[in-house]
Amino acid sequence: MGKDKFNITINRLYGSGGRIMGKRLSEELGIPFYDEEILKMASEESAIGEHLFRLNDEKAGSNLFFRALGGLKTSLEEPSLDDDLTSPENLFRFQAKMMRHVAADQSCIIMGRCADFVLGAAGIKNLVRLFVYADSTTCIRRVMEVDGVDTKEALRRVNRISKERRDYYKYYTGKEWEDMSNYDLPINTTTLELEPAVQLVKEYLRLRNINL
């Protein structure tokens, strides 16, 4: 029996270790890992400078009309080639298009960028949506270790980046980022090390009857 196609999306608190876990899962499962690669692909598809995608990466826009009416419809729309070509909302559409593209024909892991919502709206089968989190003390400690900063700066980064991700998710999906009903498997890494967390996801895939 051949392997099943499946897609994993990972949202994560800054400092929770979610990105490292995603990379490790990619290695263990032998499937591609997409993070900032989505920005590069969207830039190449749109002929818009990659720096513009990076400037708006995982940050909410400021269009009040869009904030009220965005979400499901926007994530499925084709990008515009008109005057709003480089608007934050249109850059998001290009990214959403790339995420749908990479998930359509292959198993893969996609980090952040509302991928859980985008792929869910597109009806992608065998979609596994993870949310990785840890308590504040653990996140701060990990940021200090990885980024080489002091406690004060680590706390500032955890608060700032988590708020940006929270606002971004709300802006483009209309949903709450930390509402665990949006996800299939929330993982608390406060006391769970990387390898057991990876094995937990693999076991969950098996319980979902996904043939690895």
Protein backbone atom coordinates (compact mmCIF):
# COMPACT_ATOMS: atom_id res chain seq x y z
CA MET A 1 0.00 0.00 0.00
CA GLY A 2 1.39 3.41 -0.97
CA LYS A 3 1.77 6.42 1.25
CA ASP A 4 -1.16 8.80 1.71
CA LYS A 5 -0.92 12.46 0.76
CA PHE A 6 -1.36 14.77 3.73
CA ASN A 7 -0.51 18.33 4.73
CA ILE A 8 0.52 19.71 8.09
CA THR A 9 0.17 23.36 9.08
CA ILE A 10 1.86 24.75 12.19
CA ASN A 11 0.93 27.90 14.06
CA ARG A 12 3.09 28.61 17.08
CA LEU A 13 3.83 30.98 19.91
CA TYR A 14 7.20 32.66 19.48
CA GLY A 15 9.72 30.69 21.53
CA SER A 16 7.63 27.52 21.70
CA GLY A 17 9.94 25.59 19.36
CA GLY A 18 7.28 25.12 16.71
CA ARG A 19 9.53 25.93 13.77
CA ILE A 20 12.28 23.57 14.94
CA MET A 21 9.65 20.89 15.41
CA GLY A 22 8.36 21.49 11.89
CA LYS A 23 11.83 21.10 10.41
CA ARG A 24 12.39 17.89 12.35
CA LEU A 25 9.01 16.51 11.25
CA SER A 26 9.94 17.30 7.66
CA GLU A 27 13.11 15.22 8.02
CA GLU A 28 11.37 12.32 9.78
CA LEU A 29 8.46 12.15 7.36
CA GLY A 30 10.53 12.88 4.25
CA ILE A 31 8.26 15.71 3.06
CA PRO A 32 9.02 19.34 2.09
CA PHE A 33 9.02 22.15 4.67
CA TYR A 34 7.78 25.60 3.67
CA ASP A 35 8.30 28.72 5.74
CA GLU A 36 9.86 31.81 4.15
CA GLU A 37 10.06 29.79 0.92
CA ILE A 38 6.40 30.76 0.41
CA LEU A 39 7.47 34.42 0.20
CA LYS A 40 10.09 33.67 -2.44
CA MET A 41 7.64 31.63 -4.49
CA ALA A 42 4.96 34.32 -4.25
CA SER A 43 7.53 36.92 -5.34
CA GLU A 44 8.50 34.87 -8.39
CA GLU A 45 4.86 34.21 -9.29
CA SER A 46 3.85 37.87 -9.01
CA ALA A 47 7.09 39.59 -10.16
CA ILE A 48 6.75 41.70 -7.00
CA GLY A 49 9.93 42.25 -5.00
CA GLU A 50 10.44 39.71 -2.23
CA HIS A 51 11.23 42.56 0.18
CA LEU A 52 7.59 43.72 -0.03
CA PHE A 53 6.36 40.28 0.98
CA ARG A 54 8.84 40.27 3.86
CA LEU A 55 7.76 43.74 5.05
CA ASN A 56 4.17 42.50 5.33
CA ASP A 57 4.98 38.98 6.51
CA GLU A 58 2.59 37.84 9.26
CA LYS A 59 1.44 41.40 9.91
CA ALA A 60 -2.14 42.63 9.81
CA GLY A 61 -3.20 45.19 7.22
CA SER A 62 -5.03 48.42 8.05
CA ASN A 63 -7.98 48.33 5.65
CA LEU A 64 -11.05 48.66 7.89
CA PHE A 65 -13.41 47.58 5.11
CA PHE A 66 -11.34 44.46 4.51
CA ARG A 67 -11.15 43.76 8.24
CA ALA A 68 -14.94 43.63 8.28
CA LEU A 69 -15.43 41.60 5.09
CA GLY A 70 -12.22 39.58 4.64
CA GLY A 71 -11.62 35.98 5.58
CA LEU A 72 -12.91 32.99 3.65
CA LYS A 73 -13.67 34.77 0.37
CA THR A 74 -10.31 36.53 0.27
CA SER A 75 -8.26 33.42 0.96
CA LEU A 76 -9.80 31.77 -2.11
CA GLU A 77 -9.65 34.75 -4.46
CA GLU A 78 -7.11 34.93 -7.25
CA PRO A 79 -4.62 37.79 -6.74
CA SER A 80 -5.41 41.07 -8.46
CA LEU A 81 -3.14 42.45 -11.18
CA ASP A 82 -4.65 45.94 -10.97
CA ASP A 83 -3.88 49.05 -8.94
CA ASP A 84 -3.89 47.16 -5.64
CA LEU A 85 -1.13 44.81 -6.84
CA THR A 86 1.16 45.48 -3.87
CA SER A 87 -1.49 46.01 -1.17
CA PRO A 88 -1.03 43.80 1.93
CA GLU A 89 -4.30 42.04 1.11
CA ASN A 90 -3.20 41.22 -2.44
CA LEU A 91 0.22 40.04 -1.25
CA PHE A 92 -1.67 37.69 1.06
CA ARG A 93 -3.67 36.37 -1.92
CA PHE A 94 -0.44 35.57 -3.77
CA GLN A 95 0.84 33.70 -0.70
CA ALA A 96 -2.46 31.84 -0.33
CA LYS A 97 -2.26 30.83 -3.98
CA MET A 98 1.25 29.43 -3.46
CA MET A 99 0.17 27.53 -0.35
CA ARG A 100 -2.74 25.95 -2.23
CA HIS A 101 -0.36 25.10 -5.07
CA VAL A 102 2.28 23.33 -2.95
CA ALA A 103 -0.37 21.44 -0.95
CA ALA A 104 -2.40 20.30 -3.95
CA ASP A 105 -0.09 17.60 -5.30
CA GLN A 106 2.29 16.71 -2.48
CA SER A 107 2.54 16.09 1.23
CA CYS A 108 4.21 19.04 2.94
CA ILE A 109 4.50 21.13 6.10
CA ILE A 110 3.65 24.85 6.02
CA MET A 111 4.51 27.24 8.84
CA GLY A 112 2.16 30.03 9.91
CA ARG A 113 0.71 32.53 7.42
CA CYS A 114 -2.87 31.33 8.07
CA ALA A 115 -2.08 28.15 6.12
CA ASP A 116 -4.50 26.17 8.28
CA PHE A 117 -7.33 28.48 7.26
CA VAL A 118 -6.27 28.81 3.60
CA LEU A 119 -5.96 25.07 3.02
CA GLY A 120 -9.09 24.31 5.00
CA ALA A 121 -11.08 26.79 2.89
CA ALA A 122 -9.69 25.14 -0.25
CA GLY A 123 -10.98 21.75 0.90
CA ILE A 124 -7.55 20.11 1.12
CA LYS A 125 -7.94 16.49 2.29
CA ASN A 126 -5.94 14.93 5.16
CA LEU A 127 -5.17 18.37 6.58
CA VAL A 128 -3.58 18.29 10.04
CA ARG A 129 -3.54 21.65 11.83
CA LEU A 130 -1.13 22.00 14.75
CA PHE A 131 -0.74 24.78 17.30
CA VAL A 132 2.49 24.68 19.31
CA TYR A 133 2.70 26.67 22.52
CA ALA A 134 4.49 26.86 25.87
CA ASP A 135 4.25 28.93 29.03
CA SER A 136 5.84 32.39 29.09
CA THR A 137 8.83 31.33 31.16
CA THR A 138 9.74 28.56 28.70
CA CYS A 139 9.27 30.81 25.64
CA ILE A 140 11.45 33.52 27.16
CA ARG A 141 14.17 31.04 28.09
CA ARG A 142 14.25 29.55 24.60
CA VAL A 143 14.38 32.98 22.95
CA MET A 144 17.28 33.95 25.22
CA GLU A 145 19.13 30.79 24.21
CA VAL A 146 18.42 30.90 20.48
CA ASP A 147 18.54 34.68 19.88
CA GLY A 148 21.31 35.38 22.41
CA VAL A 149 19.41 38.21 24.16
CA ASP A 150 18.73 39.10 27.80
CA THR A 151 15.48 38.44 29.66
CA LYS A 152 14.00 41.88 29.00
CA GLU A 153 14.60 41.71 25.25
CA ALA A 154 13.36 38.11 25.07
CA LEU A 155 10.11 39.11 26.82
CA ARG A 156 9.71 42.04 24.42
CA ARG A 157 10.15 39.78 21.39
CA VAL A 158 7.77 37.12 22.67
CA ASN A 159 5.06 39.71 23.36
CA ARG A 160 5.57 41.68 20.12
CA ILE A 161 5.79 38.78 17.70
CA SER A 162 2.94 36.84 19.30
CA LYS A 163 0.74 39.96 19.12
CA GLU A 164 1.65 40.46 15.45
CA ARG A 165 0.72 36.85 14.67
CA ARG A 166 -2.50 37.13 16.67
CA ASP A 167 -3.57 40.32 14.88
CA TYR A 168 -2.55 38.94 11.46
CA TYR A 169 -4.60 35.78 11.93
CA LYS A 170 -7.65 37.75 13.06
CA TYR A 171 -7.32 40.19 10.13
CA TYR A 172 -7.13 37.54 7.42
CA THR A 173 -9.37 34.82 8.85
CA GLY A 174 -11.79 36.61 11.19
CA LYS A 175 -10.93 33.97 13.80
CA GLU A 176 -8.97 33.98 17.06
CA TRP A 177 -5.42 32.66 16.65
CA GLU A 178 -5.35 30.98 20.07
CA ASP A 179 -8.81 29.41 19.82
CA MET A 180 -7.85 25.74 20.00
CA SER A 181 -11.04 24.71 18.19
CA ASN A 182 -9.28 25.94 15.02
CA TYR A 183 -6.73 23.13 15.32
CA ASP A 184 -6.62 19.36 15.26
CA LEU A 185 -3.74 18.93 17.69
CA PRO A 186 -2.54 21.61 20.13
CA ILE A 187 0.89 20.72 21.57
CA ASN A 188 2.21 22.17 24.84
CA THR A 189 6.03 22.08 24.70
CA THR A 190 6.54 23.50 28.20
CA THR A 191 7.63 20.11 29.50
CA LEU A 192 7.72 18.17 26.22
CA GLU A 193 11.07 17.98 24.44
CA LEU A 194 11.47 18.10 20.67
CA GLU A 195 11.75 14.39 19.91
CA PRO A 196 8.71 13.27 21.95
CA ALA A 197 6.71 16.12 20.36
CA VAL A 198 7.67 14.87 16.89
CA GLN A 199 6.71 11.31 17.81
CA LEU A 200 3.40 12.58 19.20
CA VAL A 201 2.54 14.10 15.81
CA LYS A 202 3.53 10.92 13.98
CA GLU A 203 1.33 8.85 16.28
CA TYR A 204 -1.55 11.27 15.74
CA LEU A 205 -1.16 10.85 11.95
CA ARG A 206 -1.42 7.08 12.41
CA LEU A 207 -4.52 7.49 14.59
CA ARG A 208 -6.03 9.50 11.76
CA ASN A 209 -5.40 6.43 9.55
CA ILE A 210 -2.92 8.35 7.41
CA ASN A 211 -0.52 5.85 5.88
CA LEU A 212 3.03 7.14 6.37
